[in-house]
Amino acid sequence: MEFLEQHPLYVVAIIGSVVWLGIFFFMLGIERRVKKLERTKARL
């Protein structure tokens, strides 16, 4: 923990990376749901 206390920029980079990964996987999930709905709608 001493390393992170002395280098706060790394903490910001890690938190930012986690946030962007979360957004990325959330968008992937939405894309899959939309594709499924489009396929369902095309069958009707």
PDB file of N, CA and C in Angstrom:
ATOM      1  N   MET A   1       0.818  -1.203   0.000  1.00  0.00           N
ATOM      2  CA  MET A   1       0.000   0.000   0.000  1.00  0.00           C
ATOM      3  C   MET A   1       0.856   1.260   0.000  1.00  0.00           C
ATOM      4  N   GLU A   2       2.059   1.158   0.462  1.00  0.00           N
ATOM      5  CA  GLU A   2       2.933   2.326   0.504  1.00  0.00           C
ATOM      6  C   GLU A   2       3.196   2.852  -0.907  1.00  0.00           C
ATOM      7  N   PHE A   3       3.319   1.934  -1.860  1.00  0.00           N
ATOM      8  CA  PHE A   3       3.564   2.328  -3.252  1.00  0.00           C
ATOM      9  C   PHE A   3       2.414   3.180  -3.783  1.00  0.00           C
ATOM     10  N   LEU A   4       1.177   2.754  -3.506  1.00  0.00           N
ATOM     11  CA  LEU A   4       0.017   3.493  -3.991  1.00  0.00           C
ATOM     12  C   LEU A   4      -0.128   4.832  -3.283  1.00  0.00           C
ATOM     13  N   GLU A   5       0.287   4.911  -2.036  1.00  0.00           N
ATOM     14  CA  GLU A   5       0.224   6.177  -1.311  1.00  0.00           C
ATOM     15  C   GLU A   5       1.225   7.180  -1.886  1.00  0.00           C
ATOM     16  N   GLN A   6       2.336   6.692  -2.386  1.00  0.00           N
ATOM     17  CA  GLN A   6       3.353   7.580  -2.937  1.00  0.00           C
ATOM     18  C   GLN A   6       3.102   7.916  -4.409  1.00  0.00           C
ATOM     19  N   HIS A   7       2.255   7.135  -5.078  1.00  0.00           N
ATOM     20  CA  HIS A   7       1.979   7.348  -6.502  1.00  0.00           C
ATOM     21  C   HIS A   7       0.468   7.411  -6.739  1.00  0.00           C
ATOM     22  N   PRO A   8      -0.150   8.525  -6.393  1.00  0.00           N
ATOM     23  CA  PRO A   8      -1.611   8.616  -6.516  1.00  0.00           C
ATOM     24  C   PRO A   8      -2.093   8.566  -7.967  1.00  0.00           C
ATOM     25  N   LEU A   9      -1.224   8.873  -8.921  1.00  0.00           N
ATOM     26  CA  LEU A   9      -1.635   8.822 -10.320  1.00  0.00           C
ATOM     27  C   LEU A   9      -1.992   7.392 -10.728  1.00  0.00           C
ATOM     28  N   TYR A  10      -1.301   6.415 -10.165  1.00  0.00           N
ATOM     29  CA  TYR A  10      -1.617   5.013 -10.467  1.00  0.00           C
ATOM     30  C   TYR A  10      -3.001   4.647  -9.944  1.00  0.00           C
ATOM     31  N   VAL A  11      -3.358   5.178  -8.797  1.00  0.00           N
ATOM     32  CA  VAL A  11      -4.684   4.919  -8.232  1.00  0.00           C
ATOM     33  C   VAL A  11      -5.754   5.471  -9.169  1.00  0.00           C
ATOM     34  N   VAL A  12      -5.551   6.671  -9.661  1.00  0.00           N
ATOM     35  CA  VAL A  12      -6.501   7.285 -10.590  1.00  0.00           C
ATOM     36  C   VAL A  12      -6.584   6.458 -11.870  1.00  0.00           C
ATOM     37  N   ALA A  13      -5.445   6.001 -12.374  1.00  0.00           N
ATOM     38  CA  ALA A  13      -5.427   5.197 -13.597  1.00  0.00           C
ATOM     39  C   ALA A  13      -6.155   3.874 -13.395  1.00  0.00           C
ATOM     40  N   ILE A  14      -5.971   3.239 -12.257  1.00  0.00           N
ATOM     41  CA  ILE A  14      -6.641   1.967 -11.979  1.00  0.00           C
ATOM     42  C   ILE A  14      -8.147   2.171 -11.881  1.00  0.00           C
ATOM     43  N   ILE A  15      -8.565   3.181 -11.160  1.00  0.00           N
ATOM     44  CA  ILE A  15      -9.997   3.450 -11.010  1.00  0.00           C
ATOM     45  C   ILE A  15     -10.616   3.788 -12.367  1.00  0.00           C
ATOM     46  N   GLY A  16      -9.932   4.613 -13.149  1.00  0.00           N
ATOM     47  CA  GLY A  16     -10.433   4.945 -14.484  1.00  0.00           C
ATOM     48  C   GLY A  16     -10.554   3.722 -15.372  1.00  0.00           C
ATOM     49  N   SER A  17      -9.574   2.841 -15.299  1.00  0.00           N
ATOM     50  CA  SER A  17      -9.614   1.613 -16.103  1.00  0.00           C
ATOM     51  C   SER A  17     -10.785   0.728 -15.700  1.00  0.00           C
ATOM     52  N   VAL A  18     -11.023   0.607 -14.413  1.00  0.00           N
ATOM     53  CA  VAL A  18     -12.142  -0.212 -13.936  1.00  0.00           C
ATOM     54  C   VAL A  18     -13.466   0.377 -14.406  1.00  0.00           C
ATOM     55  N   VAL A  19     -13.591   1.687 -14.343  1.00  0.00           N
ATOM     56  CA  VAL A  19     -14.826   2.339 -14.783  1.00  0.00           C
ATOM     57  C   VAL A  19     -15.042   2.105 -16.280  1.00  0.00           C
ATOM     58  N   TRP A  20     -14.004   2.304 -17.092  1.00  0.00           N
ATOM     59  CA  TRP A  20     -14.135   2.113 -18.540  1.00  0.00           C
ATOM     60  C   TRP A  20     -14.433   0.660 -18.890  1.00  0.00           C
ATOM     61  N   LEU A  21     -13.836  -0.280 -18.178  1.00  0.00           N
ATOM     62  CA  LEU A  21     -14.153  -1.692 -18.413  1.00  0.00           C
ATOM     63  C   LEU A  21     -15.611  -1.987 -18.076  1.00  0.00           C
ATOM     64  N   GLY A  22     -16.090  -1.403 -16.995  1.00  0.00           N
ATOM     65  CA  GLY A  22     -17.493  -1.585 -16.630  1.00  0.00           C
ATOM     66  C   GLY A  22     -18.423  -1.049 -17.696  1.00  0.00           C
ATOM     67  N   ILE A  23     -18.118   0.140 -18.218  1.00  0.00           N
ATOM     68  CA  ILE A  23     -18.929   0.721 -19.292  1.00  0.00           C
ATOM     69  C   ILE A  23     -18.887  -0.165 -20.530  1.00  0.00           C
ATOM     70  N   PHE A  24     -17.700  -0.670 -20.863  1.00  0.00           N
ATOM     71  CA  PHE A  24     -17.536  -1.521 -22.038  1.00  0.00           C
ATOM     72  C   PHE A  24     -18.405  -2.774 -21.941  1.00  0.00           C
ATOM     73  N   PHE A  25     -18.341  -3.473 -20.797  1.00  0.00           N
ATOM     74  CA  PHE A  25     -19.117  -4.698 -20.649  1.00  0.00           C
ATOM     75  C   PHE A  25     -20.614  -4.409 -20.558  1.00  0.00           C
ATOM     76  N   PHE A  26     -20.992  -3.275 -19.986  1.00  0.00           N
ATOM     77  CA  PHE A  26     -22.396  -2.879 -19.955  1.00  0.00           C
ATOM     78  C   PHE A  26     -22.913  -2.657 -21.373  1.00  0.00           C
ATOM     79  N   MET A  27     -22.121  -1.979 -22.204  1.00  0.00           N
ATOM     80  CA  MET A  27     -22.519  -1.738 -23.588  1.00  0.00           C
ATOM     81  C   MET A  27     -22.588  -3.041 -24.382  1.00  0.00           C
ATOM     82  N   LEU A  28     -21.682  -3.976 -24.115  1.00  0.00           N
ATOM     83  CA  LEU A  28     -21.752  -5.285 -24.778  1.00  0.00           C
ATOM     84  C   LEU A  28     -23.061  -5.988 -24.440  1.00  0.00           C
ATOM     85  N   GLY A  29     -23.457  -5.937 -23.199  1.00  0.00           N
ATOM     86  CA  GLY A  29     -24.711  -6.558 -22.789  1.00  0.00           C
ATOM     87  C   GLY A  29     -25.907  -5.924 -23.472  1.00  0.00           C
ATOM     88  N   ILE A  30     -25.907  -4.602 -23.569  1.00  0.00           N
ATOM     89  CA  ILE A  30     -27.001  -3.902 -24.245  1.00  0.00           C
ATOM     90  C   ILE A  30     -27.033  -4.280 -25.721  1.00  0.00           C
ATOM     91  N   GLU A  31     -25.873  -4.359 -26.344  1.00  0.00           N
ATOM     92  CA  GLU A  31     -25.812  -4.723 -27.765  1.00  0.00           C
ATOM     93  C   GLU A  31     -26.399  -6.114 -27.997  1.00  0.00           C
ATOM     94  N   ARG A  32     -26.073  -7.049 -27.135  1.00  0.00           N
ATOM     95  CA  ARG A  32     -26.608  -8.408 -27.274  1.00  0.00           C
ATOM     96  C   ARG A  32     -28.125  -8.415 -27.130  1.00  0.00           C
ATOM     97  N   ARG A  33     -28.650  -7.646 -26.180  1.00  0.00           N
ATOM     98  CA  ARG A  33     -30.102  -7.590 -25.997  1.00  0.00           C
ATOM     99  C   ARG A  33     -30.785  -6.968 -27.204  1.00  0.00           C
ATOM    100  N   VAL A  34     -30.190  -5.913 -27.753  1.00  0.00           N
ATOM    101  CA  VAL A  34     -30.778  -5.249 -28.920  1.00  0.00           C
ATOM    102  C   VAL A  34     -30.778  -6.201 -30.120  1.00  0.00           C
ATOM    103  N   LYS A  35     -29.674  -6.920 -30.334  1.00  0.00           N
ATOM    104  CA  LYS A  35     -29.630  -7.879 -31.442  1.00  0.00           C
ATOM    105  C   LYS A  35     -30.695  -8.951 -31.284  1.00  0.00           C
ATOM    106  N   LYS A  36     -30.879  -9.419 -30.056  1.00  0.00           N
ATOM    107  CA  LYS A  36     -31.900 -10.438 -29.808  1.00  0.00           C
ATOM    108  C   LYS A  36     -33.291  -9.890 -30.114  1.00  0.00           C
ATOM    109  N   LEU A  37     -33.557  -8.660 -29.693  1.00  0.00           N
ATOM    110  CA  LEU A  37     -34.852  -8.045 -29.984  1.00  0.00           C
ATOM    111  C   LEU A  37     -35.044  -7.835 -31.482  1.00  0.00           C
ATOM    112  N   GLU A  38     -33.975  -7.441 -32.180  1.00  0.00           N
ATOM    113  CA  GLU A  38     -34.077  -7.241 -33.627  1.00  0.00           C
ATOM    114  C   GLU A  38     -34.393  -8.553 -34.334  1.00  0.00           C
ATOM    115  N   ARG A  39     -33.757  -9.643 -33.898  1.00  0.00           N
ATOM    116  CA  ARG A  39     -34.034 -10.947 -34.500  1.00  0.00           C
ATOM    117  C   ARG A  39     -35.476 -11.367 -34.227  1.00  0.00           C
ATOM    118  N   THR A  40     -35.940 -11.126 -33.016  1.00  0.00           N
ATOM    119  CA  THR A  40     -37.321 -11.471 -32.655  1.00  0.00           C
ATOM    120  C   THR A  40     -38.304 -10.657 -33.485  1.00  0.00           C
ATOM    121  N   LYS A  41     -38.033  -9.377 -33.660  1.00  0.00           N
ATOM    122  CA  LYS A  41     -38.921  -8.503 -34.414  1.00  0.00           C
ATOM    123  C   LYS A  41     -38.931  -8.888 -35.895  1.00  0.00           C
ATOM    124  N   ALA A  42     -37.790  -9.310 -36.422  1.00  0.00           N
ATOM    125  CA  ALA A  42     -37.698  -9.685 -37.833  1.00  0.00           C
ATOM    126  C   ALA A  42     -38.523 -10.933 -38.124  1.00  0.00           C
ATOM    127  N   ARG A  43     -38.697 -11.799 -37.140  1.00  0.00           N
ATOM    128  CA  ARG A  43     -39.489 -13.031 -37.333  1.00  0.00           C
ATOM    129  C   ARG A  43     -40.972 -12.757 -37.376  1.00  0.00           C
ATOM    130  N   LEU A  44     -41.412 -11.645 -36.786  1.00  0.00           N
ATOM    131  CA  LEU A  44     -42.860 -11.351 -36.738  1.00  0.00           C
ATOM    132  C   LEU A  44     -43.400 -10.868 -38.027  1.00  0.00           C
TER     133      LEU A  44
END
